[in-house]
Amino acid sequence: MNRSAPMLVKIVDASGVPGGRAIALCDENGEIWGRQTRAVVENDADGIPTVTVTFPIDGDRIRFAG
């Protein structure tokens, strides 16, 4: 992963979500980062919008380093 590469927040098709659309974090090429279970965009009247993305710590693709 290139830590300086831009990340994108996109509205994507998601058949398992009511309405069929969802917000997802993507890499600079528009590819969705896998294993996302939740993405929440928040914006304040005076601030910069933020996105919080949740990934499961499954012990396989995402795990604690030790």
Foldseek 3Di string as FASTA:
>chain_A
DPPPFDKDWDWDADVVDVVRIDIFIGTNVRHGDPQWPDKDWDDDPPDDIDIDTDHDQPVPPHHDDD
